[in-house]
């Protein structure tokens, strides 16, 4: 099994910092699974943070 890529590990660090969900895997596949399982929550948290900082300004849903 191959190790996670540097790009995967950097993104996992961002996800973990935002969500508090740690990564304990050791393979590229486990890294991919972690990202797939947590990316939705990560994006929701980033979006909520942006809205709280900037309000509705720049919202593309209008």
PDB file of N, CA and C in Angstrom:
ATOM      1  N   UNK A   1       0.844  -1.181   0.000  1.00  0.00           N
ATOM      2  CA  UNK A   1       0.000   0.000   0.000  1.00  0.00           C
ATOM      3  C   UNK A   1       0.887   1.240   0.000  1.00  0.00           C
ATOM      4  N   UNK A   2       0.470   2.224  -0.769  1.00  0.00           N
ATOM      5  CA  UNK A   2       1.261   3.446  -0.831  1.00  0.00           C
ATOM      6  C   UNK A   2       0.804   4.466   0.212  1.00  0.00           C
ATOM      7  N   UNK A   3       1.719   5.331   0.588  1.00  0.00           N
ATOM      8  CA  UNK A   3       1.446   6.342   1.599  1.00  0.00           C
ATOM      9  C   UNK A   3       0.636   7.484   0.991  1.00  0.00           C
ATOM     10  N   UNK A   4      -0.099   8.235   1.830  1.00  0.00           N
ATOM     11  CA  UNK A   4      -0.848   9.389   1.328  1.00  0.00           C
ATOM     12  C   UNK A   4       0.094  10.398   0.668  1.00  0.00           C
ATOM     13  N   UNK A   5      -0.422  11.111  -0.314  1.00  0.00           N
ATOM     14  CA  UNK A   5       0.383  12.116  -0.994  1.00  0.00           C
ATOM     15  C   UNK A   5       0.501  13.364  -0.113  1.00  0.00           C
ATOM     16  N   UNK A   6       1.512  14.185  -0.361  1.00  0.00           N
ATOM     17  CA  UNK A   6       1.620  15.443   0.381  1.00  0.00           C
ATOM     18  C   UNK A   6       0.376  16.320   0.225  1.00  0.00           C
ATOM     19  N   UNK A   7      -0.213  16.313  -0.962  1.00  0.00           N
ATOM     20  CA  UNK A   7      -1.427  17.106  -1.201  1.00  0.00           C
ATOM     21  C   UNK A   7      -2.584  16.580  -0.341  1.00  0.00           C
ATOM     22  N   UNK A   8      -2.740  15.263  -0.272  1.00  0.00           N
ATOM     23  CA  UNK A   8      -3.779  14.681   0.581  1.00  0.00           C
ATOM     24  C   UNK A   8      -3.542  15.062   2.042  1.00  0.00           C
ATOM     25  N   UNK A   9      -2.311  14.941   2.491  1.00  0.00           N
ATOM     26  CA  UNK A   9      -2.006  15.229   3.895  1.00  0.00           C
ATOM     27  C   UNK A   9      -2.242  16.691   4.238  1.00  0.00           C
ATOM     28  N   UNK A  10      -1.927  17.590   3.316  1.00  0.00           N
ATOM     29  CA  UNK A  10      -2.169  19.014   3.557  1.00  0.00           C
ATOM     30  C   UNK A  10      -3.665  19.284   3.670  1.00  0.00           C
ATOM     31  N   UNK A  11      -4.454  18.670   2.793  1.00  0.00           N
ATOM     32  CA  UNK A  11      -5.901  18.869   2.833  1.00  0.00           C
ATOM     33  C   UNK A  11      -6.496  18.227   4.080  1.00  0.00           C
ATOM     34  N   UNK A  12      -5.990  17.081   4.460  1.00  0.00           N
ATOM     35  CA  UNK A  12      -6.428  16.412   5.684  1.00  0.00           C
ATOM     36  C   UNK A  12      -6.143  17.299   6.897  1.00  0.00           C
ATOM     37  N   UNK A  13      -4.995  17.964   6.914  1.00  0.00           N
ATOM     38  CA  UNK A  13      -4.683  18.889   8.006  1.00  0.00           C
ATOM     39  C   UNK A  13      -5.715  20.007   8.088  1.00  0.00           C
ATOM     40  N   UNK A  14      -6.108  20.549   6.934  1.00  0.00           N
ATOM     41  CA  UNK A  14      -7.130  21.607   6.909  1.00  0.00           C
ATOM     42  C   UNK A  14      -8.465  21.082   7.418  1.00  0.00           C
ATOM     43  N   UNK A  15      -8.860  19.913   6.948  1.00  0.00           N
ATOM     44  CA  UNK A  15     -10.133  19.327   7.368  1.00  0.00           C
ATOM     45  C   UNK A  15     -10.120  19.045   8.861  1.00  0.00           C
ATOM     46  N   UNK A  16      -9.047  18.457   9.332  1.00  0.00           N
ATOM     47  CA  UNK A  16      -8.936  18.116  10.747  1.00  0.00           C
ATOM     48  C   UNK A  16      -8.982  19.363  11.630  1.00  0.00           C
ATOM     49  N   UNK A  17      -8.300  20.421  11.212  1.00  0.00           N
ATOM     50  CA  UNK A  17      -8.285  21.662  11.988  1.00  0.00           C
ATOM     51  C   UNK A  17      -9.682  22.287  12.059  1.00  0.00           C
ATOM     52  N   UNK A  18     -10.423  22.198  10.979  1.00  0.00           N
ATOM     53  CA  UNK A  18     -11.750  22.804  10.934  1.00  0.00           C
ATOM     54  C   UNK A  18     -12.807  21.959  11.643  1.00  0.00           C
ATOM     55  N   UNK A  19     -12.680  20.637  11.543  1.00  0.00           N
ATOM     56  CA  UNK A  19     -13.735  19.760  12.054  1.00  0.00           C
ATOM     57  C   UNK A  19     -13.417  19.131  13.402  1.00  0.00           C
ATOM     58  N   UNK A  20     -12.144  19.027  13.728  1.00  0.00           N
ATOM     59  CA  UNK A  20     -11.748  18.335  14.945  1.00  0.00           C
ATOM     60  C   UNK A  20     -11.742  16.820  14.798  1.00  0.00           C
ATOM     61  N   UNK A  21     -11.938  16.344  13.586  1.00  0.00           N
ATOM     62  CA  UNK A  21     -11.940  14.909  13.316  1.00  0.00           C
ATOM     63  C   UNK A  21     -10.549  14.504  12.856  1.00  0.00           C
ATOM     64  N   UNK A  22      -9.871  13.719  13.677  1.00  0.00           N
ATOM     65  CA  UNK A  22      -8.507  13.322  13.375  1.00  0.00           C
ATOM     66  C   UNK A  22      -8.423  12.236  12.323  1.00  0.00           C
ATOM     67  N   UNK A  23      -7.266  12.177  11.693  1.00  0.00           N
ATOM     68  CA  UNK A  23      -6.976  11.158  10.690  1.00  0.00           C
ATOM     69  C   UNK A  23      -5.968  10.182  11.268  1.00  0.00           C
ATOM     70  N   UNK A  24      -6.292   8.903  11.231  1.00  0.00           N
ATOM     71  CA  UNK A  24      -5.400   7.888  11.784  1.00  0.00           C
ATOM     72  C   UNK A  24      -4.926   6.892  10.730  1.00  0.00           C
ATOM     73  N   UNK A  25      -5.294   7.118   9.488  1.00  0.00           N
ATOM     74  CA  UNK A  25      -4.919   6.191   8.426  1.00  0.00           C
ATOM     75  C   UNK A  25      -3.455   6.284   8.057  1.00  0.00           C
ATOM     76  N   UNK A  26      -3.027   5.318   7.263  1.00  0.00           N
ATOM     77  CA  UNK A  26      -1.621   5.258   6.834  1.00  0.00           C
ATOM     78  C   UNK A  26      -1.458   5.089   5.334  1.00  0.00           C
ATOM     79  N   UNK A  27      -2.555   4.861   4.622  1.00  0.00           N
ATOM     80  CA  UNK A  27      -2.448   4.608   3.194  1.00  0.00           C
ATOM     81  C   UNK A  27      -3.140   5.696   2.386  1.00  0.00           C
ATOM     82  N   UNK A  28      -2.807   5.723   1.106  1.00  0.00           N
ATOM     83  CA  UNK A  28      -3.432   6.671   0.188  1.00  0.00           C
ATOM     84  C   UNK A  28      -4.948   6.441   0.141  1.00  0.00           C
ATOM     85  N   UNK A  29      -5.360   5.181   0.164  1.00  0.00           N
ATOM     86  CA  UNK A  29      -6.797   4.878   0.120  1.00  0.00           C
ATOM     87  C   UNK A  29      -7.497   5.349   1.391  1.00  0.00           C
ATOM     88  N   UNK A  30      -6.875   5.158   2.549  1.00  0.00           N
ATOM     89  CA  UNK A  30      -7.479   5.626   3.798  1.00  0.00           C
ATOM     90  C   UNK A  30      -7.574   7.149   3.819  1.00  0.00           C
ATOM     91  N   UNK A  31      -6.574   7.814   3.246  1.00  0.00           N
ATOM     92  CA  UNK A  31      -6.623   9.275   3.147  1.00  0.00           C
ATOM     93  C   UNK A  31      -7.781   9.699   2.247  1.00  0.00           C
ATOM     94  N   UNK A  32      -7.941   9.027   1.140  1.00  0.00           N
ATOM     95  CA  UNK A  32      -9.029   9.329   0.213  1.00  0.00           C
ATOM     96  C   UNK A  32     -10.393   9.109   0.877  1.00  0.00           C
ATOM     97  N   UNK A  33     -10.517   8.019   1.615  1.00  0.00           N
ATOM     98  CA  UNK A  33     -11.767   7.721   2.316  1.00  0.00           C
ATOM     99  C   UNK A  33     -12.070   8.791   3.366  1.00  0.00           C
ATOM    100  N   UNK A  34     -11.051   9.213   4.118  1.00  0.00           N
ATOM    101  CA  UNK A  34     -11.226  10.255   5.137  1.00  0.00           C
ATOM    102  C   UNK A  34     -11.727  11.550   4.488  1.00  0.00           C
ATOM    103  N   UNK A  35     -11.096  11.924   3.386  1.00  0.00           N
ATOM    104  CA  UNK A  35     -11.499  13.151   2.691  1.00  0.00           C
ATOM    105  C   UNK A  35     -12.935  13.032   2.210  1.00  0.00           C
ATOM    106  N   UNK A  36     -13.274  11.924   1.582  1.00  0.00           N
ATOM    107  CA  UNK A  36     -14.635  11.715   1.087  1.00  0.00           C
ATOM    108  C   UNK A  36     -15.671  11.785   2.212  1.00  0.00           C
ATOM    109  N   UNK A  37     -15.332  11.214   3.358  1.00  0.00           N
ATOM    110  CA  UNK A  37     -16.274  11.165   4.476  1.00  0.00           C
ATOM    111  C   UNK A  37     -16.457  12.521   5.162  1.00  0.00           C
ATOM    112  N   UNK A  38     -15.459  13.397   5.083  1.00  0.00           N
ATOM    113  CA  UNK A  38     -15.491  14.630   5.867  1.00  0.00           C
ATOM    114  C   UNK A  38     -15.540  15.927   5.064  1.00  0.00           C
ATOM    115  N   UNK A  39     -15.464  15.839   3.758  1.00  0.00           N
ATOM    116  CA  UNK A  39     -15.402  17.046   2.950  1.00  0.00           C
ATOM    117  C   UNK A  39     -16.703  17.863   3.029  1.00  0.00           C
ATOM    118  N   UNK A  40     -17.830  17.198   3.132  1.00  0.00           N
ATOM    119  CA  UNK A  40     -19.104  17.915   3.228  1.00  0.00           C
ATOM    120  C   UNK A  40     -19.169  18.771   4.480  1.00  0.00           C
ATOM    121  N   UNK A  41     -18.812  18.196   5.607  1.00  0.00           N
ATOM    122  CA  UNK A  41     -18.801  18.934   6.863  1.00  0.00           C
ATOM    123  C   UNK A  41     -17.793  20.074   6.800  1.00  0.00           C
ATOM    124  N   UNK A  42     -16.620  19.804   6.255  1.00  0.00           N
ATOM    125  CA  UNK A  42     -15.583  20.829   6.115  1.00  0.00           C
ATOM    126  C   UNK A  42     -16.102  22.015   5.301  1.00  0.00           C
ATOM    127  N   UNK A  43     -16.699  21.738   4.163  1.00  0.00           N
ATOM    128  CA  UNK A  43     -17.226  22.819   3.315  1.00  0.00           C
ATOM    129  C   UNK A  43     -18.330  23.588   4.024  1.00  0.00           C
ATOM    130  N   UNK A  44     -19.203  22.889   4.736  1.00  0.00           N
ATOM    131  CA  UNK A  44     -20.266  23.561   5.489  1.00  0.00           C
ATOM    132  C   UNK A  44     -19.686  24.488   6.554  1.00  0.00           C
ATOM    133  N   UNK A  45     -18.667  24.044   7.259  1.00  0.00           N
ATOM    134  CA  UNK A  45     -18.047  24.865   8.294  1.00  0.00           C
ATOM    135  C   UNK A  45     -17.349  26.084   7.703  1.00  0.00           C
ATOM    136  N   UNK A  46     -16.666  25.911   6.591  1.00  0.00           N
ATOM    137  CA  UNK A  46     -15.997  27.030   5.933  1.00  0.00           C
ATOM    138  C   UNK A  46     -17.033  28.039   5.443  1.00  0.00           C
ATOM    139  N   UNK A  47     -18.112  27.548   4.871  1.00  0.00           N
ATOM    140  CA  UNK A  47     -19.181  28.435   4.391  1.00  0.00           C
ATOM    141  C   UNK A  47     -19.802  29.206   5.551  1.00  0.00           C
ATOM    142  N   UNK A  48     -20.073  28.535   6.656  1.00  0.00           N
ATOM    143  CA  UNK A  48     -20.657  29.200   7.825  1.00  0.00           C
ATOM    144  C   UNK A  48     -19.699  30.248   8.381  1.00  0.00           C
ATOM    145  N   UNK A  49     -18.418  29.947   8.384  1.00  0.00           N
ATOM    146  CA  UNK A  49     -17.423  30.904   8.861  1.00  0.00           C
ATOM    147  C   UNK A  49     -17.382  32.143   7.962  1.00  0.00           C
ATOM    148  N   UNK A  50     -17.444  31.935   6.663  1.00  0.00           N
ATOM    149  CA  UNK A  50     -17.441  33.059   5.728  1.00  0.00           C
ATOM    150  C   UNK A  50     -18.684  33.921   5.909  1.00  0.00           C
ATOM    151  N   UNK A  51     -19.838  33.289   6.080  1.00  0.00           N
ATOM    152  CA  UNK A  51     -21.076  34.041   6.279  1.00  0.00           C
ATOM    153  C   UNK A  51     -21.039  34.836   7.563  1.00  0.00           C
ATOM    154  N   UNK A  52     -20.485  34.267   8.618  1.00  0.00           N
ATOM    155  CA  UNK A  52     -20.435  34.986   9.887  1.00  0.00           C
ATOM    156  C   UNK A  52     -19.453  36.149   9.815  1.00  0.00           C
ATOM    157  N   UNK A  53     -18.432  36.024   8.985  1.00  0.00           N
ATOM    158  CA  UNK A  53     -17.454  37.088   8.842  1.00  0.00           C
ATOM    159  C   UNK A  53     -17.881  38.161   7.852  1.00  0.00           C
ATOM    160  N   UNK A  54     -18.597  37.773   6.823  1.00  0.00           N
ATOM    161  CA  UNK A  54     -18.905  38.687   5.734  1.00  0.00           C
ATOM    162  C   UNK A  54     -20.394  38.872   5.475  1.00  0.00           C
ATOM    163  N   UNK A  55     -21.245  38.229   6.231  1.00  0.00           N
ATOM    164  CA  UNK A  55     -22.680  38.341   6.012  1.00  0.00           C
ATOM    165  C   UNK A  55     -23.058  37.748   4.663  1.00  0.00           C
ATOM    166  N   UNK A  56     -24.099  38.287   4.070  1.00  0.00           N
ATOM    167  CA  UNK A  56     -24.578  37.792   2.785  1.00  0.00           C
ATOM    168  C   UNK A  56     -23.861  38.411   1.606  1.00  0.00           C
ATOM    169  N   UNK A  57     -22.907  39.329   1.874  1.00  0.00           N
ATOM    170  CA  UNK A  57     -22.215  39.984   0.798  1.00  0.00           C
ATOM    171  C   UNK A  57     -21.521  38.968  -0.083  1.00  0.00           C
ATOM    172  N   UNK A  58     -21.758  39.067  -1.356  1.00  0.00           N
ATOM    173  CA  UNK A  58     -21.101  38.186  -2.288  1.00  0.00           C
ATOM    174  C   UNK A  58     -21.759  36.832  -2.439  1.00  0.00           C
ATOM    175  N   UNK A  59     -22.921  36.657  -1.848  1.00  0.00           N
ATOM    176  CA  UNK A  59     -23.613  35.370  -1.951  1.00  0.00           C
ATOM    177  C   UNK A  59     -24.045  35.148  -3.398  1.00  0.00           C
ATOM    178  N   UNK A  60     -23.713  34.009  -3.961  1.00  0.00           N
ATOM    179  CA  UNK A  60     -24.055  33.726  -5.359  1.00  0.00           C
ATOM    180  C   UNK A  60     -25.447  33.108  -5.496  1.00  0.00           C
ATOM    181  N   UNK A  61     -26.132  32.905  -4.390  1.00  0.00           N
ATOM    182  CA  UNK A  61     -27.464  32.286  -4.466  1.00  0.00           C
ATOM    183  C   UNK A  61     -28.546  33.289  -4.847  1.00  0.00           C
ATOM    184  N   UNK A  62     -28.216  34.581  -4.812  1.00  0.00           N
ATOM    185  CA  UNK A  62     -29.233  35.618  -5.121  1.00  0.00           C
ATOM    186  C   UNK A  62     -29.540  35.671  -6.571  1.00  0.00           C
TER     187      UNK A  62
END
